[in-house]
Amino acid sequence: MESVARTTEISARSETSFEDAIRVGIERATQSLRNVRGAWVKEQEVKIDNGEITAFQVIMKVTFELEN
């Protein structure tokens, strides 16, 4: 079966961990996009205040299959 997919870039943030930021981003993406098939974490960043990590951010490319 042939298929065509599209990729979109999203950013997600968590105060807990990179893994949680990924989960948050995927959960949100699947609310708006149908047929999500995968994601690639392109970048990871941390926000630091007074020497402490206060947030974890990921930038992901999310792939979803286009409907016929």
PDB file of N, CA and C in Angstrom:
ATOM      1  N   MET A   1       0.838  -1.178   0.000  1.00  0.00           N
ATOM      2  CA  MET A   1       0.000   0.000   0.000  1.00  0.00           C
ATOM      3  C   MET A   1       0.885   1.245   0.000  1.00  0.00           C
ATOM      4  N   GLU A   2       0.561   2.187  -0.859  1.00  0.00           N
ATOM      5  CA  GLU A   2       1.312   3.425  -0.944  1.00  0.00           C
ATOM      6  C   GLU A   2       0.788   4.427   0.072  1.00  0.00           C
ATOM      7  N   SER A   3       1.678   5.280   0.563  1.00  0.00           N
ATOM      8  CA  SER A   3       1.248   6.325   1.483  1.00  0.00           C
ATOM      9  C   SER A   3       2.132   7.554   1.299  1.00  0.00           C
ATOM     10  N   VAL A   4       1.582   8.675   1.707  1.00  0.00           N
ATOM     11  CA  VAL A   4       2.309   9.945   1.671  1.00  0.00           C
ATOM     12  C   VAL A   4       2.244  10.530   3.068  1.00  0.00           C
ATOM     13  N   ALA A   5       3.378  11.002   3.548  1.00  0.00           N
ATOM     14  CA  ALA A   5       3.442  11.566   4.897  1.00  0.00           C
ATOM     15  C   ALA A   5       3.933  13.005   4.846  1.00  0.00           C
ATOM     16  N   ARG A   6       3.630  13.702   5.899  1.00  0.00           N
ATOM     17  CA  ARG A   6       4.075  15.084   6.055  1.00  0.00           C
ATOM     18  C   ARG A   6       4.756  15.199   7.412  1.00  0.00           C
ATOM     19  N   THR A   7       5.697  16.124   7.521  1.00  0.00           N
ATOM     20  CA  THR A   7       6.400  16.356   8.778  1.00  0.00           C
ATOM     21  C   THR A   7       6.189  17.796   9.204  1.00  0.00           C
ATOM     22  N   THR A   8       5.911  17.987  10.488  1.00  0.00           N
ATOM     23  CA  THR A   8       5.766  19.327  11.044  1.00  0.00           C
ATOM     24  C   THR A   8       6.648  19.432  12.282  1.00  0.00           C
ATOM     25  N   GLU A   9       7.122  20.611  12.560  1.00  0.00           N
ATOM     26  CA  GLU A   9       8.012  20.816  13.704  1.00  0.00           C
ATOM     27  C   GLU A   9       7.234  21.432  14.859  1.00  0.00           C
ATOM     28  N   ILE A  10       7.408  20.861  16.051  1.00  0.00           N
ATOM     29  CA  ILE A  10       6.752  21.395  17.239  1.00  0.00           C
ATOM     30  C   ILE A  10       7.768  21.539  18.363  1.00  0.00           C
ATOM     31  N   SER A  11       7.416  22.354  19.334  1.00  0.00           N
ATOM     32  CA  SER A  11       8.235  22.558  20.527  1.00  0.00           C
ATOM     33  C   SER A  11       7.367  22.238  21.737  1.00  0.00           C
ATOM     34  N   ALA A  12       7.954  21.561  22.722  1.00  0.00           N
ATOM     35  CA  ALA A  12       7.212  21.224  23.939  1.00  0.00           C
ATOM     36  C   ALA A  12       8.133  21.405  25.143  1.00  0.00           C
ATOM     37  N   ARG A  13       7.544  21.763  26.281  1.00  0.00           N
ATOM     38  CA  ARG A  13       8.322  22.052  27.482  1.00  0.00           C
ATOM     39  C   ARG A  13       7.731  21.339  28.688  1.00  0.00           C
ATOM     40  N   SER A  14       8.608  20.943  29.606  1.00  0.00           N
ATOM     41  CA  SER A  14       8.204  20.308  30.858  1.00  0.00           C
ATOM     42  C   SER A  14       9.128  20.794  31.964  1.00  0.00           C
ATOM     43  N   GLU A  15       8.607  20.871  33.164  1.00  0.00           N
ATOM     44  CA  GLU A  15       9.441  21.211  34.319  1.00  0.00           C
ATOM     45  C   GLU A  15      10.083  19.965  34.913  1.00  0.00           C
ATOM     46  N   THR A  16       9.718  18.781  34.395  1.00  0.00           N
ATOM     47  CA  THR A  16      10.155  17.511  34.975  1.00  0.00           C
ATOM     48  C   THR A  16      11.365  16.892  34.284  1.00  0.00           C
ATOM     49  N   SER A  17      11.262  16.680  32.946  1.00  0.00           N
ATOM     50  CA  SER A  17      12.326  15.975  32.224  1.00  0.00           C
ATOM     51  C   SER A  17      12.146  16.120  30.719  1.00  0.00           C
ATOM     52  N   PHE A  18      13.189  15.724  29.972  1.00  0.00           N
ATOM     53  CA  PHE A  18      13.072  15.696  28.515  1.00  0.00           C
ATOM     54  C   PHE A  18      12.021  14.667  28.100  1.00  0.00           C
ATOM     55  N   GLU A  19      12.023  13.512  28.751  1.00  0.00           N
ATOM     56  CA  GLU A  19      11.050  12.472  28.431  1.00  0.00           C
ATOM     57  C   GLU A  19       9.621  12.987  28.600  1.00  0.00           C
ATOM     58  N   ASP A  20       9.383  13.724  29.662  1.00  0.00           N
ATOM     59  CA  ASP A  20       8.047  14.283  29.886  1.00  0.00           C
ATOM     60  C   ASP A  20       7.716  15.330  28.827  1.00  0.00           C
ATOM     61  N   ALA A  21       8.692  16.133  28.423  1.00  0.00           N
ATOM     62  CA  ALA A  21       8.457  17.126  27.367  1.00  0.00           C
ATOM     63  C   ALA A  21       8.076  16.436  26.065  1.00  0.00           C
ATOM     64  N   ILE A  22       8.724  15.314  25.748  1.00  0.00           N
ATOM     65  CA  ILE A  22       8.379  14.546  24.547  1.00  0.00           C
ATOM     66  C   ILE A  22       6.951  14.034  24.655  1.00  0.00           C
ATOM     67  N   ARG A  23       6.603  13.459  25.806  1.00  0.00           N
ATOM     68  CA  ARG A  23       5.252  12.928  26.015  1.00  0.00           C
ATOM     69  C   ARG A  23       4.207  14.029  25.847  1.00  0.00           C
ATOM     70  N   VAL A  24       4.451  15.181  26.462  1.00  0.00           N
ATOM     71  CA  VAL A  24       3.531  16.320  26.365  1.00  0.00           C
ATOM     72  C   VAL A  24       3.361  16.745  24.904  1.00  0.00           C
ATOM     73  N   GLY A  25       4.461  16.834  24.180  1.00  0.00           N
ATOM     74  CA  GLY A  25       4.403  17.242  22.774  1.00  0.00           C
ATOM     75  C   GLY A  25       3.633  16.265  21.908  1.00  0.00           C
ATOM     76  N   ILE A  26       3.879  14.966  22.103  1.00  0.00           N
ATOM     77  CA  ILE A  26       3.183  13.950  21.305  1.00  0.00           C
ATOM     78  C   ILE A  26       1.700  13.920  21.650  1.00  0.00           C
ATOM     79  N   GLU A  27       1.376  14.008  22.939  1.00  0.00           N
ATOM     80  CA  GLU A  27      -0.039  14.023  23.335  1.00  0.00           C
ATOM     81  C   GLU A  27      -0.767  15.199  22.690  1.00  0.00           C
ATOM     82  N   ARG A  28      -0.124  16.357  22.690  1.00  0.00           N
ATOM     83  CA  ARG A  28      -0.756  17.542  22.101  1.00  0.00           C
ATOM     84  C   ARG A  28      -0.849  17.420  20.585  1.00  0.00           C
ATOM     85  N   ALA A  29       0.191  16.910  19.950  1.00  0.00           N
ATOM     86  CA  ALA A  29       0.185  16.761  18.488  1.00  0.00           C
ATOM     87  C   ALA A  29      -0.932  15.829  18.039  1.00  0.00           C
ATOM     88  N   THR A  30      -1.157  14.741  18.789  1.00  0.00           N
ATOM     89  CA  THR A  30      -2.192  13.789  18.386  1.00  0.00           C
ATOM     90  C   THR A  30      -3.603  14.317  18.610  1.00  0.00           C
ATOM     91  N   GLN A  31      -3.740  15.416  19.340  1.00  0.00           N
ATOM     92  CA  GLN A  31      -5.052  16.058  19.466  1.00  0.00           C
ATOM     93  C   GLN A  31      -5.415  16.817  18.198  1.00  0.00           C
ATOM     94  N   SER A  32      -4.395  17.331  17.489  1.00  0.00           N
ATOM     95  CA  SER A  32      -4.630  18.133  16.289  1.00  0.00           C
ATOM     96  C   SER A  32      -4.376  17.374  14.993  1.00  0.00           C
ATOM     97  N   LEU A  33      -3.467  16.407  15.023  1.00  0.00           N
ATOM     98  CA  LEU A  33      -3.076  15.686  13.815  1.00  0.00           C
ATOM     99  C   LEU A  33      -3.574  14.248  13.880  1.00  0.00           C
ATOM    100  N   ARG A  34      -4.069  13.759  12.757  1.00  0.00           N
ATOM    101  CA  ARG A  34      -4.460  12.349  12.682  1.00  0.00           C
ATOM    102  C   ARG A  34      -3.316  11.560  12.051  1.00  0.00           C
ATOM    103  N   ASN A  35      -3.281  10.283  12.336  1.00  0.00           N
ATOM    104  CA  ASN A  35      -2.325   9.358  11.718  1.00  0.00           C
ATOM    105  C   ASN A  35      -0.863   9.695  12.031  1.00  0.00           C
ATOM    106  N   VAL A  36      -0.581  10.134  13.256  1.00  0.00           N
ATOM    107  CA  VAL A  36       0.809  10.388  13.656  1.00  0.00           C
ATOM    108  C   VAL A  36       1.543   9.051  13.652  1.00  0.00           C
ATOM    109  N   ARG A  37       2.686   9.012  12.973  1.00  0.00           N
ATOM    110  CA  ARG A  37       3.424   7.758  12.798  1.00  0.00           C
ATOM    111  C   ARG A  37       4.787   7.748  13.490  1.00  0.00           C
ATOM    112  N   GLY A  38       5.307   8.910  13.836  1.00  0.00           N
ATOM    113  CA  GLY A  38       6.622   8.932  14.482  1.00  0.00           C
ATOM    114  C   GLY A  38       7.066  10.349  14.787  1.00  0.00           C
ATOM    115  N   ALA A  39       8.164  10.440  15.523  1.00  0.00           N
ATOM    116  CA  ALA A  39       8.722  11.748  15.855  1.00  0.00           C
ATOM    117  C   ALA A  39      10.232  11.616  16.002  1.00  0.00           C
ATOM    118  N   TRP A  40      10.919  12.665  15.653  1.00  0.00           N
ATOM    119  CA  TRP A  40      12.362  12.743  15.771  1.00  0.00           C
ATOM    120  C   TRP A  40      12.685  13.953  16.641  1.00  0.00           C
ATOM    121  N   VAL A  41      13.408  13.742  17.728  1.00  0.00           N
ATOM    122  CA  VAL A  41      13.803  14.842  18.602  1.00  0.00           C
ATOM    123  C   VAL A  41      15.005  15.519  17.952  1.00  0.00           C
ATOM    124  N   LYS A  42      14.786  16.733  17.498  1.00  0.00           N
ATOM    125  CA  LYS A  42      15.798  17.493  16.761  1.00  0.00           C
ATOM    126  C   LYS A  42      16.739  18.232  17.709  1.00  0.00           C
ATOM    127  N   GLU A  43      16.172  18.821  18.766  1.00  0.00           N
ATOM    128  CA  GLU A  43      16.978  19.595  19.718  1.00  0.00           C
ATOM    129  C   GLU A  43      16.451  19.409  21.128  1.00  0.00           C
ATOM    130  N   GLN A  44      17.337  19.552  22.078  1.00  0.00           N
ATOM    131  CA  GLN A  44      16.974  19.557  23.488  1.00  0.00           C
ATOM    132  C   GLN A  44      17.632  20.779  24.121  1.00  0.00           C
ATOM    133  N   GLU A  45      16.873  21.467  24.950  1.00  0.00           N
ATOM    134  CA  GLU A  45      17.389  22.649  25.630  1.00  0.00           C
ATOM    135  C   GLU A  45      16.914  22.640  27.074  1.00  0.00           C
ATOM    136  N   VAL A  46      17.654  23.309  27.939  1.00  0.00           N
ATOM    137  CA  VAL A  46      17.202  23.478  29.312  1.00  0.00           C
ATOM    138  C   VAL A  46      17.164  24.968  29.628  1.00  0.00           C
ATOM    139  N   LYS A  47      16.226  25.351  30.476  1.00  0.00           N
ATOM    140  CA  LYS A  47      16.168  26.714  30.986  1.00  0.00           C
ATOM    141  C   LYS A  47      16.796  26.680  32.375  1.00  0.00           C
ATOM    142  N   ILE A  48      17.669  27.620  32.639  1.00  0.00           N
ATOM    143  CA  ILE A  48      18.391  27.657  33.916  1.00  0.00           C
ATOM    144  C   ILE A  48      18.149  28.993  34.598  1.00  0.00           C
ATOM    145  N   ASP A  49      17.758  28.930  35.860  1.00  0.00           N
ATOM    146  CA  ASP A  49      17.594  30.119  36.696  1.00  0.00           C
ATOM    147  C   ASP A  49      18.403  29.920  37.974  1.00  0.00           C
ATOM    148  N   ASN A  50      19.263  30.873  38.269  1.00  0.00           N
ATOM    149  CA  ASN A  50      20.099  30.819  39.473  1.00  0.00           C
ATOM    150  C   ASN A  50      20.862  29.502  39.604  1.00  0.00           C
ATOM    151  N   GLY A  51      21.391  29.012  38.477  1.00  0.00           N
ATOM    152  CA  GLY A  51      22.183  27.795  38.489  1.00  0.00           C
ATOM    153  C   GLY A  51      21.388  26.510  38.555  1.00  0.00           C
ATOM    154  N   GLU A  52      20.059  26.581  38.543  1.00  0.00           N
ATOM    155  CA  GLU A  52      19.197  25.398  38.629  1.00  0.00           C
ATOM    156  C   GLU A  52      18.411  25.223  37.329  1.00  0.00           C
ATOM    157  N   ILE A  53      18.272  23.981  36.901  1.00  0.00           N
ATOM    158  CA  ILE A  53      17.440  23.693  35.730  1.00  0.00           C
ATOM    159  C   ILE A  53      15.980  23.841  36.135  1.00  0.00           C
ATOM    160  N   THR A  54      15.267  24.699  35.415  1.00  0.00           N
ATOM    161  CA  THR A  54      13.861  24.942  35.741  1.00  0.00           C
ATOM    162  C   THR A  54      12.893  24.417  34.682  1.00  0.00           C
ATOM    163  N   ALA A  55      13.403  24.096  33.483  1.00  0.00           N
ATOM    164  CA  ALA A  55      12.531  23.562  32.439  1.00  0.00           C
ATOM    165  C   ALA A  55      13.355  22.813  31.405  1.00  0.00           C
ATOM    166  N   PHE A  56      12.721  21.807  30.824  1.00  0.00           N
ATOM    167  CA  PHE A  56      13.304  20.993  29.768  1.00  0.00           C
ATOM    168  C   PHE A  56      12.469  21.215  28.518  1.00  0.00           C
ATOM    169  N   GLN A  57      13.121  21.534  27.402  1.00  0.00           N
ATOM    170  CA  GLN A  57      12.391  21.794  26.168  1.00  0.00           C
ATOM    171  C   GLN A  57      12.945  20.928  25.054  1.00  0.00           C
ATOM    172  N   VAL A  58      12.037  20.406  24.224  1.00  0.00           N
ATOM    173  CA  VAL A  58      12.431  19.646  23.047  1.00  0.00           C
ATOM    174  C   VAL A  58      11.801  20.277  21.815  1.00  0.00           C
ATOM    175  N   ILE A  59      12.525  20.196  20.728  1.00  0.00           N
ATOM    176  CA  ILE A  59      11.991  20.566  19.426  1.00  0.00           C
ATOM    177  C   ILE A  59      11.977  19.271  18.626  1.00  0.00           C
ATOM    178  N   MET A  60      10.788  18.914  18.144  1.00  0.00           N
ATOM    179  CA  MET A  60      10.602  17.633  17.464  1.00  0.00           C
ATOM    180  C   MET A  60      10.022  17.824  16.075  1.00  0.00           C
ATOM    181  N   LYS A  61      10.365  16.904  15.206  1.00  0.00           N
ATOM    182  CA  LYS A  61       9.707  16.791  13.910  1.00  0.00           C
ATOM    183  C   LYS A  61       8.746  15.616  14.024  1.00  0.00           C
ATOM    184  N   VAL A  62       7.465  15.895  13.863  1.00  0.00           N
ATOM    185  CA  VAL A  62       6.421  14.880  13.989  1.00  0.00           C
ATOM    186  C   VAL A  62       5.946  14.517  12.580  1.00  0.00           C
ATOM    187  N   THR A  63       5.914  13.221  12.295  1.00  0.00           N
ATOM    188  CA  THR A  63       5.486  12.731  10.986  1.00  0.00           C
ATOM    189  C   THR A  63       4.086  12.144  11.092  1.00  0.00           C
ATOM    190  N   PHE A  64       3.235  12.555  10.154  1.00  0.00           N
ATOM    191  CA  PHE A  64       1.883  12.003  10.110  1.00  0.00           C
ATOM    192  C   PHE A  64       1.518  11.659   8.671  1.00  0.00           C
ATOM    193  N   GLU A  65       0.754  10.593   8.528  1.00  0.00           N
ATOM    194  CA  GLU A  65       0.364  10.102   7.218  1.00  0.00           C
ATOM    195  C   GLU A  65      -0.857  10.877   6.723  1.00  0.00           C
ATOM    196  N   LEU A  66      -0.799  11.315   5.496  1.00  0.00           N
ATOM    197  CA  LEU A  66      -1.918  12.043   4.892  1.00  0.00           C
ATOM    198  C   LEU A  66      -3.025  11.070   4.513  1.00  0.00           C
ATOM    199  N   GLU A  67      -4.264  11.493   4.708  1.00  0.00           N
ATOM    200  CA  GLU A  67      -5.398  10.661   4.366  1.00  0.00           C
ATOM    201  C   GLU A  67      -5.671  10.727   2.872  1.00  0.00           C
ATOM    202  N   ASN A  68      -6.281   9.676   2.352  1.00  0.00           N
ATOM    203  CA  ASN A  68      -6.638   9.636   0.920  1.00  0.00           C
ATOM    204  C   ASN A  68      -7.774  10.582   0.623  1.00  0.00           C
TER     205      ASN A  68
END
